[in-house]
C-alpha atoms as a PDB file:
ATOM      1  CA  MET A   1     -95.374   9.414 -41.462  1.00  0.00           C
ATOM      2  CA  SER A   2     -92.255  10.816 -39.863  1.00  0.00           C
ATOM      3  CA  GLU A   3     -88.951  10.686 -41.746  1.00  0.00           C
ATOM      4  CA  GLY A   4     -87.408   8.147 -39.334  1.00  0.00           C
ATOM      5  CA  ILE A   5     -90.285   5.667 -39.557  1.00  0.00           C
ATOM      6  CA  SER A   6     -89.962   2.918 -42.158  1.00  0.00           C
ATOM      7  CA  LEU A   7     -92.813   2.738 -44.668  1.00  0.00           C
ATOM      8  CA  GLU A   8     -92.916  -0.982 -43.854  1.00  0.00           C
ATOM      9  CA  ALA A   9     -93.550  -0.380 -40.124  1.00  0.00           C
ATOM     10  CA  HIS A  10     -97.058  -0.770 -38.709  1.00  0.00           C
ATOM     11  CA  ILE A  11     -97.956   2.071 -36.342  1.00  0.00           C
ATOM     12  CA  HIS A  12    -101.385   1.705 -34.683  1.00  0.00           C
ATOM     13  CA  SER A  13    -103.615   4.756 -35.047  1.00  0.00           C
ATOM     14  CA  HIS A  14    -103.645   5.154 -31.242  1.00  0.00           C
ATOM     15  CA  ALA A  15     -99.841   4.931 -30.858  1.00  0.00           C
ATOM     16  CA  LEU A  16     -97.714   8.056 -30.470  1.00  0.00           C
ATOM     17  CA  VAL A  17     -94.347   8.113 -32.239  1.00  0.00           C
ATOM     18  CA  ASP A  18     -92.706  11.524 -31.872  1.00  0.00           C
ATOM     19  CA  LYS A  19     -90.967  13.243 -34.760  1.00  0.00           C
ATOM     20  CA  GLY A  20     -87.283  12.307 -34.595  1.00  0.00           C
ATOM     21  CA  ALA A  21     -87.876   8.734 -33.394  1.00  0.00           C
ATOM     22  CA  LYS A  22     -86.686   5.904 -35.664  1.00  0.00           C
ATOM     23  CA  VAL A  23     -88.746   2.763 -36.239  1.00  0.00           C
ATOM     24  CA  GLY A  24     -87.473   0.005 -38.536  1.00  0.00           C
ATOM     25  CA  ALA A  25     -89.122  -2.072 -41.224  1.00  0.00           C
ATOM     26  CA  ARG A  26     -91.813  -4.583 -40.233  1.00  0.00           C
ATOM     27  CA  THR A  27     -91.833  -3.347 -36.629  1.00  0.00           C
ATOM     28  CA  ARG A  28     -95.287  -3.178 -35.075  1.00  0.00           C
ATOM     29  CA  VAL A  29     -96.118  -0.425 -32.585  1.00  0.00           C
ATOM     30  CA  TRP A  30     -99.469  -1.079 -30.923  1.00  0.00           C
ATOM     31  CA  ALA A  31    -102.113   1.107 -29.274  1.00  0.00           C
ATOM     32  CA  PHE A  32    -101.149   3.588 -26.556  1.00  0.00           C
ATOM     33  CA  ALA A  33     -97.427   2.996 -27.030  1.00  0.00           C
ATOM     34  CA  HIS A  34     -95.331   6.194 -26.908  1.00  0.00           C
ATOM     35  CA  ILE A  35     -91.879   6.441 -28.506  1.00  0.00           C
ATOM     36  CA  LEU A  36     -90.041   9.711 -27.838  1.00  0.00           C
ATOM     37  CA  SER A  37     -87.894  11.684 -30.243  1.00  0.00           C
ATOM     38  CA  GLY A  38     -84.366  10.272 -30.428  1.00  0.00           C
ATOM     39  CA  ALA A  39     -85.345   6.682 -29.606  1.00  0.00           C
ATOM     40  CA  VAL A  40     -84.237   4.010 -32.061  1.00  0.00           C
ATOM     41  CA  VAL A  41     -86.302   0.855 -32.599  1.00  0.00           C
ATOM     42  CA  GLY A  42     -84.933  -1.665 -35.094  1.00  0.00           C
ATOM     43  CA  GLU A  43     -86.574  -4.004 -37.589  1.00  0.00           C
ATOM     44  CA  ASP A  44     -89.090  -6.804 -36.938  1.00  0.00           C
ATOM     45  CA  CYS A  45     -89.822  -5.666 -33.375  1.00  0.00           C
ATOM     46  CA  ASN A  46     -93.136  -5.936 -31.520  1.00  0.00           C
ATOM     47  CA  ILE A  47     -93.830  -2.953 -29.239  1.00  0.00           C
ATOM     48  CA  CYS A  48     -97.042  -3.838 -27.393  1.00  0.00           C
ATOM     49  CA  ASP A  49     -99.849  -1.722 -25.882  1.00  0.00           C
ATOM     50  CA  HIS A  50     -99.147   0.761 -23.088  1.00  0.00           C
ATOM     51  CA  THR A  51     -95.365   0.889 -23.504  1.00  0.00           C
ATOM     52  CA  PHE A  52     -93.113   3.935 -23.187  1.00  0.00           C
ATOM     53  CA  ILE A  53     -89.694   4.322 -24.812  1.00  0.00           C
ATOM     54  CA  GLU A  54     -87.633   7.362 -23.793  1.00  0.00           C
ATOM     55  CA  GLY A  55     -85.467   9.315 -26.245  1.00  0.00           C
ATOM     56  CA  LYS A  56     -82.050   7.858 -25.382  1.00  0.00           C
ATOM     57  CA  VAL A  57     -83.120   4.217 -25.695  1.00  0.00           C
ATOM     58  CA  THR A  58     -81.775   1.935 -28.416  1.00  0.00           C
ATOM     59  CA  ILE A  59     -83.604  -1.254 -29.378  1.00  0.00           C
ATOM     60  CA  ASP A  60     -82.041  -3.508 -32.011  1.00  0.00           C
ATOM     61  CA  ASN A  61     -83.862  -6.066 -34.206  1.00  0.00           C
ATOM     62  CA  ARG A  62     -86.456  -8.792 -33.486  1.00  0.00           C
ATOM     63  CA  VAL A  63     -87.156  -7.507 -29.961  1.00  0.00           C
ATOM     64  CA  THR A  64     -90.462  -8.066 -28.167  1.00  0.00           C
ATOM     65  CA  VAL A  65     -91.545  -5.514 -25.560  1.00  0.00           C
ATOM     66  CA  LYS A  66     -94.766  -6.708 -23.909  1.00  0.00           C
ATOM     67  CA  CYS A  67     -97.526  -4.543 -22.424  1.00  0.00           C
ATOM     68  CA  GLY A  68     -96.855  -2.140 -19.561  1.00  0.00           C
ATOM     69  CA  VAL A  69     -93.080  -1.822 -20.010  1.00  0.00           C
ATOM     70  CA  TYR A  70     -91.304   1.567 -19.722  1.00  0.00           C
ATOM     71  CA  LEU A  71     -87.768   1.865 -21.064  1.00  0.00           C
ATOM     72  CA  TRP A  72     -85.891   4.884 -19.694  1.00  0.00           C
ATOM     73  CA  ASP A  73     -82.838   6.747 -20.999  1.00  0.00           C
ATOM     74  CA  GLY A  74     -79.752   4.552 -20.789  1.00  0.00           C
ATOM     75  CA  VAL A  75     -81.419   1.229 -21.655  1.00  0.00           C
ATOM     76  CA  VAL A  76     -79.797  -0.588 -24.600  1.00  0.00           C
ATOM     77  CA  VAL A  77     -81.584  -3.664 -25.964  1.00  0.00           C
ATOM     78  CA  LYS A  78     -79.722  -5.955 -28.360  1.00  0.00           C
ATOM     79  CA  ASP A  79     -81.155  -8.348 -30.983  1.00  0.00           C
ATOM     80  CA  ASP A  80     -83.718 -11.058 -30.136  1.00  0.00           C
ATOM     81  CA  VAL A  81     -84.482  -9.871 -26.574  1.00  0.00           C
ATOM     82  CA  PHE A  82     -87.827 -10.645 -24.928  1.00  0.00           C
ATOM     83  CA  ILE A  83     -89.117  -8.247 -22.245  1.00  0.00           C
ATOM     84  CA  GLY A  84     -92.139  -9.649 -20.408  1.00  0.00           C
ATOM     85  CA  PRO A  85     -95.226  -7.696 -19.336  1.00  0.00           C
ATOM     86  CA  ALA A  86     -94.830  -5.064 -16.620  1.00  0.00           C
ATOM     87  CA  ALA A  87     -91.055  -5.556 -16.341  1.00  0.00           C
ATOM     88  CA  VAL A  88     -89.519  -2.522 -14.606  1.00  0.00           C
ATOM     89  CA  PHE A  89     -86.297  -0.734 -15.544  1.00  0.00           C
ATOM     90  CA  THR A  90     -84.579   2.020 -13.569  1.00  0.00           C
ATOM     91  CA  ASN A  91     -81.880   4.437 -14.700  1.00  0.00           C
ATOM     92  CA  ASP A  92     -80.968   6.334 -11.540  1.00  0.00           C
ATOM     93  CA  LEU A  93     -79.613   4.697  -8.377  1.00  0.00           C
ATOM     94  CA  LYS A  94     -79.878   7.954  -6.379  1.00  0.00           C
ATOM     95  CA  PRO A  95     -83.160   9.520  -7.521  1.00  0.00           C
ATOM     96  CA  ARG A  96     -84.538  12.797  -6.212  1.00  0.00           C
ATOM     97  CA  SER A  97     -87.553  14.693  -7.431  1.00  0.00           C
ATOM     98  CA  MET A  98     -86.802  17.540  -9.858  1.00  0.00           C
ATOM     99  CA  GLN A  99     -83.145  16.475 -10.261  1.00  0.00           C
ATOM    100  CA  TYR A 100     -82.332  16.053 -13.964  1.00  0.00           C
ATOM    101  CA  LYS A 101     -79.096  14.356 -14.973  1.00  0.00           C
ATOM    102  CA  GLU A 102     -77.311  14.700 -18.266  1.00  0.00           C
ATOM    103  CA  ASP A 103     -76.322  11.043 -18.362  1.00  0.00           C
ATOM    104  CA  TYR A 104     -77.896   7.983 -16.800  1.00  0.00           C
ATOM    105  CA  ALA A 105     -76.433   4.602 -15.951  1.00  0.00           C
ATOM    106  CA  GLN A 106     -76.461   2.242 -18.938  1.00  0.00           C
ATOM    107  CA  THR A 107     -78.426  -0.970 -18.620  1.00  0.00           C
ATOM    108  CA  LEU A 108     -77.530  -3.494 -21.314  1.00  0.00           C
ATOM    109  CA  LEU A 109     -79.726  -6.410 -22.365  1.00  0.00           C
ATOM    110  CA  LYS A 110     -77.490  -8.619 -24.490  1.00  0.00           C
ATOM    111  CA  GLN A 111     -78.637 -10.696 -27.453  1.00  0.00           C
ATOM    112  CA  GLY A 112     -81.363 -13.254 -26.832  1.00  0.00           C
ATOM    113  CA  SER A 113     -81.882 -12.487 -23.151  1.00  0.00           C
ATOM    114  CA  SER A 114     -85.381 -12.914 -21.690  1.00  0.00           C
ATOM    115  CA  ILE A 115     -86.851 -10.832 -18.878  1.00  0.00           C
ATOM    116  CA  GLY A 116     -89.805 -12.420 -17.067  1.00  0.00           C
ATOM    117  CA  ALA A 117     -93.039 -10.633 -16.243  1.00  0.00           C
ATOM    118  CA  ASN A 118     -92.862  -8.060 -13.444  1.00  0.00           C
ATOM    119  CA  ALA A 119     -89.082  -8.406 -12.994  1.00  0.00           C
ATOM    120  CA  THR A 120     -87.196  -5.299 -11.831  1.00  0.00           C
ATOM    121  CA  ILE A 121     -83.816  -4.473 -13.379  1.00  0.00           C
ATOM    122  CA  LEU A 122     -81.683  -1.942 -11.471  1.00  0.00           C
ATOM    123  CA  ALA A 123     -79.743   0.713 -13.344  1.00  0.00           C
ATOM    124  CA  GLY A 124     -76.277  -0.093 -14.607  1.00  0.00           C
ATOM    125  CA  THR A 125     -76.674  -3.851 -14.817  1.00  0.00           C
ATOM    126  CA  GLU A 126     -75.826  -6.099 -17.739  1.00  0.00           C
ATOM    127  CA  ILE A 127     -78.138  -8.968 -18.618  1.00  0.00           C
ATOM    128  CA  GLY A 128     -76.099 -11.667 -20.356  1.00  0.00           C
ATOM    129  CA  ALA A 129     -76.703 -13.152 -23.793  1.00  0.00           C
ATOM    130  CA  TRP A 130     -79.381 -15.876 -23.915  1.00  0.00           C
ATOM    131  CA  SER A 131     -79.916 -15.591 -20.163  1.00  0.00           C
ATOM    132  CA  LEU A 132     -83.266 -15.774 -18.354  1.00  0.00           C
ATOM    133  CA  VAL A 133     -84.498 -13.519 -15.539  1.00  0.00           C
ATOM    134  CA  GLY A 134     -87.426 -15.198 -13.790  1.00  0.00           C
ATOM    135  CA  ALA A 135     -90.775 -13.491 -13.311  1.00  0.00           C
ATOM    136  CA  GLY A 136     -90.946 -11.134 -10.327  1.00  0.00           C
ATOM    137  CA  SER A 137     -87.171 -11.123  -9.778  1.00  0.00           C
ATOM    138  CA  VAL A 138     -85.141  -8.105  -8.655  1.00  0.00           C
ATOM    139  CA  VAL A 139     -81.832  -7.913 -10.533  1.00  0.00           C
ATOM    140  CA  THR A 140     -79.216  -6.000  -8.525  1.00  0.00           C
ATOM    141  CA  LYS A 141     -76.033  -7.199 -10.278  1.00  0.00           C
ATOM    142  CA  ASP A 142     -74.875  -8.422 -13.684  1.00  0.00           C
ATOM    143  CA  VAL A 143     -76.305 -11.673 -15.034  1.00  0.00           C
ATOM    144  CA  PRO A 144     -73.834 -13.958 -16.888  1.00  0.00           C
ATOM    145  CA  ASP A 145     -74.454 -15.231 -20.420  1.00  0.00           C
ATOM    146  CA  TYR A 146     -76.688 -18.357 -20.468  1.00  0.00           C
ATOM    147  CA  ALA A 147     -77.599 -18.031 -16.778  1.00  0.00           C
ATOM    148  CA  ALA A 148     -81.056 -18.632 -15.318  1.00  0.00           C
ATOM    149  CA  VAL A 149     -81.589 -16.313 -12.347  1.00  0.00           C
ATOM    150  CA  TRP A 150     -84.573 -15.535 -10.159  1.00  0.00           C
ATOM    151  CA  GLY A 151     -85.560 -14.317  -6.699  1.00  0.00           C
ATOM    152  CA  ASN A 152     -85.189 -11.131  -4.677  1.00  0.00           C
ATOM    153  CA  PRO A 153     -82.381 -10.397  -5.096  1.00  0.00           C
ATOM    154  CA  ALA A 154     -82.012 -12.525  -8.243  1.00  0.00           C
ATOM    155  CA  ARG A 155     -79.535 -15.363  -7.810  1.00  0.00           C
ATOM    156  CA  PHE A 156     -77.969 -17.860 -10.211  1.00  0.00           C
ATOM    157  CA  HIS A 157     -79.766 -21.238 -10.318  1.00  0.00           C
ATOM    158  CA  TYR A 158     -78.383 -23.033 -13.390  1.00  0.00           C
ATOM    159  CA  TRP A 159     -77.162 -22.632 -16.971  1.00  0.00           C
ATOM    160  CA  ILE A 160     -79.581 -22.712 -19.903  1.00  0.00           C
ATOM    161  CA  CYS A 161     -79.285 -23.368 -23.627  1.00  0.00           C
ATOM    162  CA  ARG A 162     -80.520 -20.933 -26.269  1.00  0.00           C
ATOM    163  CA  CYS A 163     -83.509 -23.277 -26.604  1.00  0.00           C
ATOM    164  CA  MET A 164     -84.205 -22.753 -22.840  1.00  0.00           C
ATOM    165  CA  ARG A 165     -83.326 -26.291 -21.730  1.00  0.00           C
ATOM    166  CA  LYS A 166     -81.319 -26.664 -18.524  1.00  0.00           C
ATOM    167  CA  ILE A 167     -77.636 -27.395 -19.171  1.00  0.00           C
ATOM    168  CA  GLU A 168     -76.058 -30.146 -17.067  1.00  0.00           C
ATOM    169  CA  PHE A 169     -72.387 -30.628 -17.855  1.00  0.00           C
ATOM    170  CA  ASP A 170     -70.552 -33.964 -17.968  1.00  0.00           C
ATOM    171  CA  VAL A 171     -67.243 -34.641 -16.195  1.00  0.00           C
ATOM    172  CA  GLN A 172     -65.319 -32.939 -19.012  1.00  0.00           C
ATOM    173  CA  ASN A 173     -67.465 -29.811 -18.481  1.00  0.00           C
ATOM    174  CA  GLU A 174     -69.022 -30.208 -21.912  1.00  0.00           C
ATOM    175  CA  LEU A 175     -72.553 -30.684 -23.164  1.00  0.00           C
ATOM    176  CA  VAL A 176     -74.359 -31.142 -26.457  1.00  0.00           C
ATOM    177  CA  CYS A 177     -77.983 -30.072 -26.061  1.00  0.00           C
ATOM    178  CA  ASP A 178     -80.830 -31.993 -27.744  1.00  0.00           C
ATOM    179  CA  CYS A 179     -81.221 -28.954 -30.041  1.00  0.00           C
ATOM    180  CA  GLY A 180     -77.665 -29.485 -31.372  1.00  0.00           C
ATOM    181  CA  LYS A 181     -75.869 -26.571 -29.652  1.00  0.00           C
ATOM    182  CA  SER A 182     -72.695 -27.532 -27.791  1.00  0.00           C
ATOM    183  CA  TYR A 183     -71.340 -25.850 -24.669  1.00  0.00           C
ATOM    184  CA  GLN A 184     -68.183 -25.898 -22.598  1.00  0.00           C
ATOM    185  CA  MET A 185     -67.607 -24.639 -19.059  1.00  0.00           C
ATOM    186  CA  VAL A 186     -64.441 -22.543 -18.823  1.00  0.00           C
ATOM    187  CA  GLY A 187     -62.630 -20.659 -16.116  1.00  0.00           C
ATOM    188  CA  GLU A 188     -61.622 -21.607 -12.611  1.00  0.00           C
ATOM    189  CA  LYS A 189     -62.712 -18.995 -10.092  1.00  0.00           C
ATOM    190  CA  GLU A 190     -65.169 -17.187 -12.380  1.00  0.00           C
ATOM    191  CA  LYS A 191     -67.045 -19.894 -14.237  1.00  0.00           C
ATOM    192  CA  PHE A 192     -68.836 -19.154 -17.471  1.00  0.00           C
ATOM    193  CA  ILE A 193     -69.899 -21.127 -20.512  1.00  0.00           C
ATOM    194  CA  VAL A 194     -69.117 -20.864 -24.201  1.00  0.00           C
ATOM    195  CA  CYS A 195     -71.514 -21.915 -26.971  1.00  0.00           C
ATOM    196  CA  ARG A 196     -69.793 -23.586 -29.928  1.00  0.00           C
END
């Protein structure tokens, strides 16, 4: 086992974790996954079959990366994120063959966000906390916290709770979800919600 791999991690015999990669305790890396040197994968993650994680990728804790996902340099994944099968990430808005950049645009997936199967996330976007990107969507701009977006290009449809229920505010712009979380709509021109 490499120095950066926790003794409590489960690495499948057909997975490839390069020397210099870090994998946290209780993380499972399944068959045909490849994690490059320099990549950081936190604790309690599930890295499924046929995934690729480049060397300048950071994945925090309790993250699920489903089959067929490739995370390129510049992608930062915070705690509790779900990335559905075959979701696509880019890191270069002006790609050319044989052109190698020193730095790539950062794409940030904030805590608890969920990316649907086969969604495409363009470089340099921020996916808000506890938001949902629908399956097959193409995300071309930032997604607010708690927003449900889908389509090509992805557009806002409604607000969602952490438990994934649709949020419908009362006349005071407040809501208490059935799960017990309470929300308030704030702002005038740029509306966003706050979980209390």
